[in-house]
C-alpha cells in the first residue's frame, strides 16, 4: 500500500513509517530527537508512535 499523502490523521498519526525520509524527519522534530534516535526506537519497540514516544522518554 502506497503512502497517500492526501490522507492524514487517524492511522497516519498512530504509526511511524520509516520508508519515507520525511516521516523520520517529522517524527524526530515532534519528539525533539534525531532521526537516528527515532529509527533506533522503531527498531527496538516497533512502529506504534505511542511506544516510540515512551521509548524516547517523551511520554
PDB file of N, CA and C in Angstrom:
ATOM      1  N   UNK A   1       0.844  -1.169   0.000  1.00  0.00           N
ATOM      2  CA  UNK A   1       0.000   0.000   0.000  1.00  0.00           C
ATOM      3  C   UNK A   1       0.890   1.233   0.000  1.00  0.00           C
ATOM      4  N   UNK A   2       0.633   2.121  -0.941  1.00  0.00           N
ATOM      5  CA  UNK A   2       1.455   3.320  -1.017  1.00  0.00           C
ATOM      6  C   UNK A   2       1.011   4.340   0.025  1.00  0.00           C
ATOM      7  N   UNK A   3       1.895   5.236   0.325  1.00  0.00           N
ATOM      8  CA  UNK A   3       1.621   6.266   1.316  1.00  0.00           C
ATOM      9  C   UNK A   3       0.893   7.410   0.630  1.00  0.00           C
ATOM     10  N   UNK A   4      -0.408   7.520   0.844  1.00  0.00           N
ATOM     11  CA  UNK A   4      -1.224   8.564   0.247  1.00  0.00           C
ATOM     12  C   UNK A   4      -1.092   9.824   1.089  1.00  0.00           C
ATOM     13  N   UNK A   5      -0.336  10.774   0.596  1.00  0.00           N
ATOM     14  CA  UNK A   5      -0.055  11.988   1.355  1.00  0.00           C
ATOM     15  C   UNK A   5      -1.267  12.906   1.468  1.00  0.00           C
ATOM     16  N   UNK A   6      -2.340  12.620   0.727  1.00  0.00           N
ATOM     17  CA  UNK A   6      -3.555  13.430   0.836  1.00  0.00           C
ATOM     18  C   UNK A   6      -4.416  12.985   1.996  1.00  0.00           C
ATOM     19  N   UNK A   7      -4.169  11.808   2.534  1.00  0.00           N
ATOM     20  CA  UNK A   7      -4.941  11.290   3.655  1.00  0.00           C
ATOM     21  C   UNK A   7      -4.083  11.341   4.909  1.00  0.00           C
ATOM     22  N   UNK A   8      -4.425  12.258   5.792  1.00  0.00           N
ATOM     23  CA  UNK A   8      -3.669  12.372   7.039  1.00  0.00           C
ATOM     24  C   UNK A   8      -4.613  12.212   8.206  1.00  0.00           C
ATOM     25  N   UNK A   9      -4.037  11.958   9.344  1.00  0.00           N
ATOM     26  CA  UNK A   9      -4.857  11.762  10.527  1.00  0.00           C
ATOM     27  C   UNK A   9      -5.064  10.288  10.783  1.00  0.00           C
ATOM     28  N   UNK A  10      -5.801   9.985  11.831  1.00  0.00           N
ATOM     29  CA  UNK A  10      -6.102   8.597  12.152  1.00  0.00           C
ATOM     30  C   UNK A  10      -4.878   7.726  12.219  1.00  0.00           C
ATOM     31  N   UNK A  11      -4.873   6.711  11.397  1.00  0.00           N
ATOM     32  CA  UNK A  11      -3.784   5.742  11.410  1.00  0.00           C
ATOM     33  C   UNK A  11      -2.439   6.397  11.124  1.00  0.00           C
ATOM     34  N   UNK A  12      -2.408   7.413  10.271  1.00  0.00           N
ATOM     35  CA  UNK A  12      -1.144   8.087   9.969  1.00  0.00           C
ATOM     36  C   UNK A  12      -0.492   8.649  11.219  1.00  0.00           C
ATOM     37  N   UNK A  13      -1.270   9.039  12.198  1.00  0.00           N
ATOM     38  CA  UNK A  13      -0.704   9.613  13.411  1.00  0.00           C
ATOM     39  C   UNK A  13      -0.365   8.558  14.448  1.00  0.00           C
ATOM     40  N   UNK A  14      -0.790   7.327  14.240  1.00  0.00           N
ATOM     41  CA  UNK A  14      -0.542   6.265  15.208  1.00  0.00           C
ATOM     42  C   UNK A  14       0.679   5.421  14.877  1.00  0.00           C
ATOM     43  N   UNK A  15       1.055   5.392  13.598  1.00  0.00           N
ATOM     44  CA  UNK A  15       2.159   4.548  13.157  1.00  0.00           C
ATOM     45  C   UNK A  15       3.261   5.382  12.521  1.00  0.00           C
ATOM     46  N   UNK A  16       4.484   4.950  12.728  1.00  0.00           N
ATOM     47  CA  UNK A  16       5.646   5.613  12.144  1.00  0.00           C
ATOM     48  C   UNK A  16       6.165   4.742  11.021  1.00  0.00           C
ATOM     49  N   UNK A  17       6.135   5.286   9.816  1.00  0.00           N
ATOM     50  CA  UNK A  17       6.644   4.570   8.654  1.00  0.00           C
ATOM     51  C   UNK A  17       7.988   5.168   8.267  1.00  0.00           C
ATOM     52  N   UNK A  18       9.023   4.382   8.334  1.00  0.00           N
ATOM     53  CA  UNK A  18      10.351   4.889   8.003  1.00  0.00           C
ATOM     54  C   UNK A  18      10.720   4.664   6.541  1.00  0.00           C
ATOM     55  N   UNK A  19       9.739   4.264   5.738  1.00  0.00           N
ATOM     56  CA  UNK A  19      10.012   4.060   4.318  1.00  0.00           C
ATOM     57  C   UNK A  19      10.105   5.389   3.572  1.00  0.00           C
ATOM     58  N   UNK A  20       9.645   6.460   4.209  1.00  0.00           N
ATOM     59  CA  UNK A  20       9.737   7.798   3.628  1.00  0.00           C
ATOM     60  C   UNK A  20      10.621   8.660   4.523  1.00  0.00           C
ATOM     61  N   UNK A  21      11.606   9.318   3.934  1.00  0.00           N
ATOM     62  CA  UNK A  21      12.537  10.141   4.719  1.00  0.00           C
ATOM     63  C   UNK A  21      11.825  11.231   5.507  1.00  0.00           C
ATOM     64  N   UNK A  22      10.794  11.821   4.907  1.00  0.00           N
ATOM     65  CA  UNK A  22      10.112  12.912   5.595  1.00  0.00           C
ATOM     66  C   UNK A  22       9.438  12.437   6.875  1.00  0.00           C
ATOM     67  N   UNK A  23       9.047  11.175   6.930  1.00  0.00           N
ATOM     68  CA  UNK A  23       8.400  10.651   8.139  1.00  0.00           C
ATOM     69  C   UNK A  23       9.388  10.650   9.304  1.00  0.00           C
ATOM     70  N   UNK A  24      10.587  10.149   9.072  1.00  0.00           N
ATOM     71  CA  UNK A  24      11.605  10.139  10.128  1.00  0.00           C
ATOM     72  C   UNK A  24      11.910  11.560  10.572  1.00  0.00           C
ATOM     73  N   UNK A  25      12.029  12.460   9.618  1.00  0.00           N
ATOM     74  CA  UNK A  25      12.318  13.856   9.932  1.00  0.00           C
ATOM     75  C   UNK A  25      11.190  14.480  10.760  1.00  0.00           C
ATOM     76  N   UNK A  26       9.951  14.269  10.340  1.00  0.00           N
ATOM     77  CA  UNK A  26       8.807  14.867  11.037  1.00  0.00           C
ATOM     78  C   UNK A  26       8.634  14.310  12.443  1.00  0.00           C
ATOM     79  N   UNK A  27       8.783  12.994  12.591  1.00  0.00           N
ATOM     80  CA  UNK A  27       8.649  12.396  13.929  1.00  0.00           C
ATOM     81  C   UNK A  27       9.790  12.838  14.828  1.00  0.00           C
ATOM     82  N   UNK A  28      11.007  12.943  14.271  1.00  0.00           N
ATOM     83  CA  UNK A  28      12.148  13.408  15.062  1.00  0.00           C
ATOM     84  C   UNK A  28      11.894  14.818  15.579  1.00  0.00           C
ATOM     85  N   UNK A  29      11.347  15.663  14.726  1.00  0.00           N
ATOM     86  CA  UNK A  29      11.032  17.029  15.135  1.00  0.00           C
ATOM     87  C   UNK A  29       9.954  17.029  16.224  1.00  0.00           C
ATOM     88  N   UNK A  30       8.936  16.202  16.054  1.00  0.00           N
ATOM     89  CA  UNK A  30       7.852  16.127  17.036  1.00  0.00           C
ATOM     90  C   UNK A  30       8.380  15.691  18.406  1.00  0.00           C
ATOM     91  N   UNK A  31       9.266  14.693  18.419  1.00  0.00           N
ATOM     92  CA  UNK A  31       9.776  14.156  19.675  1.00  0.00           C
ATOM     93  C   UNK A  31      10.994  14.913  20.207  1.00  0.00           C
ATOM     94  N   UNK A  32      11.556  15.808  19.401  1.00  0.00           N
ATOM     95  CA  UNK A  32      12.721  16.571  19.836  1.00  0.00           C
ATOM     96  C   UNK A  32      13.983  15.743  19.912  1.00  0.00           C
ATOM     97  N   UNK A  33      14.134  14.795  18.984  1.00  0.00           N
ATOM     98  CA  UNK A  33      15.309  13.923  18.941  1.00  0.00           C
ATOM     99  C   UNK A  33      15.825  13.864  17.508  1.00  0.00           C
ATOM    100  N   UNK A  34      16.912  13.143  17.297  1.00  0.00           N
ATOM    101  CA  UNK A  34      17.449  12.991  15.945  1.00  0.00           C
ATOM    102  C   UNK A  34      16.692  11.905  15.188  1.00  0.00           C
ATOM    103  N   UNK A  35      16.819  11.942  13.877  1.00  0.00           N
ATOM    104  CA  UNK A  35      16.202  10.901  13.043  1.00  0.00           C
ATOM    105  C   UNK A  35      16.769   9.535  13.399  1.00  0.00           C
ATOM    106  N   UNK A  36      18.061   9.478  13.690  1.00  0.00           N
ATOM    107  CA  UNK A  36      18.683   8.206  14.066  1.00  0.00           C
ATOM    108  C   UNK A  36      18.075   7.647  15.346  1.00  0.00           C
ATOM    109  N   UNK A  37      17.760   8.527  16.291  1.00  0.00           N
ATOM    110  CA  UNK A  37      17.129   8.075  17.536  1.00  0.00           C
ATOM    111  C   UNK A  37      15.733   7.521  17.271  1.00  0.00           C
ATOM    112  N   UNK A  38      15.001   8.162  16.378  1.00  0.00           N
ATOM    113  CA  UNK A  38      13.670   7.657  16.010  1.00  0.00           C
ATOM    114  C   UNK A  38      13.806   6.283  15.370  1.00  0.00           C
ATOM    115  N   UNK A  39      14.727   6.152  14.425  1.00  0.00           N
ATOM    116  CA  UNK A  39      14.928   4.867  13.733  1.00  0.00           C
ATOM    117  C   UNK A  39      15.322   3.764  14.721  1.00  0.00           C
ATOM    118  N   UNK A  40      16.194   4.076  15.657  1.00  0.00           N
ATOM    119  CA  UNK A  40      16.620   3.089  16.649  1.00  0.00           C
ATOM    120  C   UNK A  40      15.454   2.679  17.545  1.00  0.00           C
ATOM    121  N   UNK A  41      14.646   3.642  17.941  1.00  0.00           N
ATOM    122  CA  UNK A  41      13.497   3.337  18.797  1.00  0.00           C
ATOM    123  C   UNK A  41      12.485   2.471  18.054  1.00  0.00           C
ATOM    124  N   UNK A  42      12.254   2.762  16.774  1.00  0.00           N
ATOM    125  CA  UNK A  42      11.328   1.944  15.974  1.00  0.00           C
ATOM    126  C   UNK A  42      11.868   0.521  15.850  1.00  0.00           C
ATOM    127  N   UNK A  43      13.154   0.383  15.641  1.00  0.00           N
ATOM    128  CA  UNK A  43      13.756  -0.949  15.563  1.00  0.00           C
ATOM    129  C   UNK A  43      13.566  -1.714  16.872  1.00  0.00           C
ATOM    130  N   UNK A  44      13.643  -1.012  17.980  1.00  0.00           N
ATOM    131  CA  UNK A  44      13.570  -1.658  19.284  1.00  0.00           C
ATOM    132  C   UNK A  44      12.144  -2.004  19.703  1.00  0.00           C
ATOM    133  N   UNK A  45      11.195  -1.063  19.517  1.00  0.00           N
ATOM    134  CA  UNK A  45       9.848  -1.264  20.069  1.00  0.00           C
ATOM    135  C   UNK A  45       8.746  -1.379  19.025  1.00  0.00           C
ATOM    136  N   UNK A  46       9.077  -1.229  17.758  1.00  0.00           N
ATOM    137  CA  UNK A  46       8.048  -1.294  16.725  1.00  0.00           C
ATOM    138  C   UNK A  46       7.634   0.097  16.270  1.00  0.00           C
ATOM    139  N   UNK A  47       6.635   0.171  15.389  1.00  0.00           N
ATOM    140  CA  UNK A  47       6.318   1.437  14.749  1.00  0.00           C
ATOM    141  C   UNK A  47       5.115   2.188  15.326  1.00  0.00           C
ATOM    142  N   UNK A  48       4.571   1.739  16.448  1.00  0.00           N
ATOM    143  CA  UNK A  48       3.486   2.496  17.083  1.00  0.00           C
ATOM    144  C   UNK A  48       4.067   3.758  17.713  1.00  0.00           C
ATOM    145  N   UNK A  49       3.534   4.910  17.313  1.00  0.00           N
ATOM    146  CA  UNK A  49       4.053   6.195  17.787  1.00  0.00           C
ATOM    147  C   UNK A  49       4.060   6.266  19.308  1.00  0.00           C
ATOM    148  N   UNK A  50       3.023   5.750  19.934  1.00  0.00           N
ATOM    149  CA  UNK A  50       2.932   5.769  21.398  1.00  0.00           C
ATOM    150  C   UNK A  50       4.095   5.011  22.037  1.00  0.00           C
ATOM    151  N   UNK A  51       4.431   3.851  21.480  1.00  0.00           N
ATOM    152  CA  UNK A  51       5.534   3.047  22.018  1.00  0.00           C
ATOM    153  C   UNK A  51       6.883   3.730  21.794  1.00  0.00           C
ATOM    154  N   UNK A  52       7.049   4.326  20.620  1.00  0.00           N
ATOM    155  CA  UNK A  52       8.297   5.019  20.306  1.00  0.00           C
ATOM    156  C   UNK A  52       8.462   6.229  21.223  1.00  0.00           C
ATOM    157  N   UNK A  53       7.381   6.961  21.429  1.00  0.00           N
ATOM    158  CA  UNK A  53       7.430   8.121  22.317  1.00  0.00           C
ATOM    159  C   UNK A  53       7.826   7.708  23.733  1.00  0.00           C
ATOM    160  N   UNK A  54       7.261   6.616  24.185  1.00  0.00           N
ATOM    161  CA  UNK A  54       7.598   6.108  25.531  1.00  0.00           C
ATOM    162  C   UNK A  54       9.069   5.697  25.579  1.00  0.00           C
ATOM    163  N   UNK A  55       9.536   5.010  24.560  1.00  0.00           N
ATOM    164  CA  UNK A  55      10.936   4.578  24.498  1.00  0.00           C
ATOM    165  C   UNK A  55      11.892   5.762  24.529  1.00  0.00           C
ATOM    166  N   UNK A  56      11.501   6.834  23.887  1.00  0.00           N
ATOM    167  CA  UNK A  56      12.340   8.013  23.842  1.00  0.00           C
ATOM    168  C   UNK A  56      12.237   8.860  25.114  1.00  0.00           C
ATOM    169  N   UNK A  57      11.407   8.412  26.036  1.00  0.00           N
ATOM    170  CA  UNK A  57      11.263   9.108  27.304  1.00  0.00           C
ATOM    171  C   UNK A  57      10.457  10.384  27.198  1.00  0.00           C
ATOM    172  N   UNK A  58       9.590  10.457  26.194  1.00  0.00           N
ATOM    173  CA  UNK A  58       8.815  11.675  25.980  1.00  0.00           C
ATOM    174  C   UNK A  58       7.370  11.527  26.464  1.00  0.00           C
ATOM    175  N   UNK A  59       6.981  10.330  26.894  1.00  0.00           N
ATOM    176  CA  UNK A  59       5.581  10.126  27.314  1.00  0.00           C
ATOM    177  C   UNK A  59       5.458  10.182  28.811  1.00  0.00           C
TER     178      UNK A  59
END
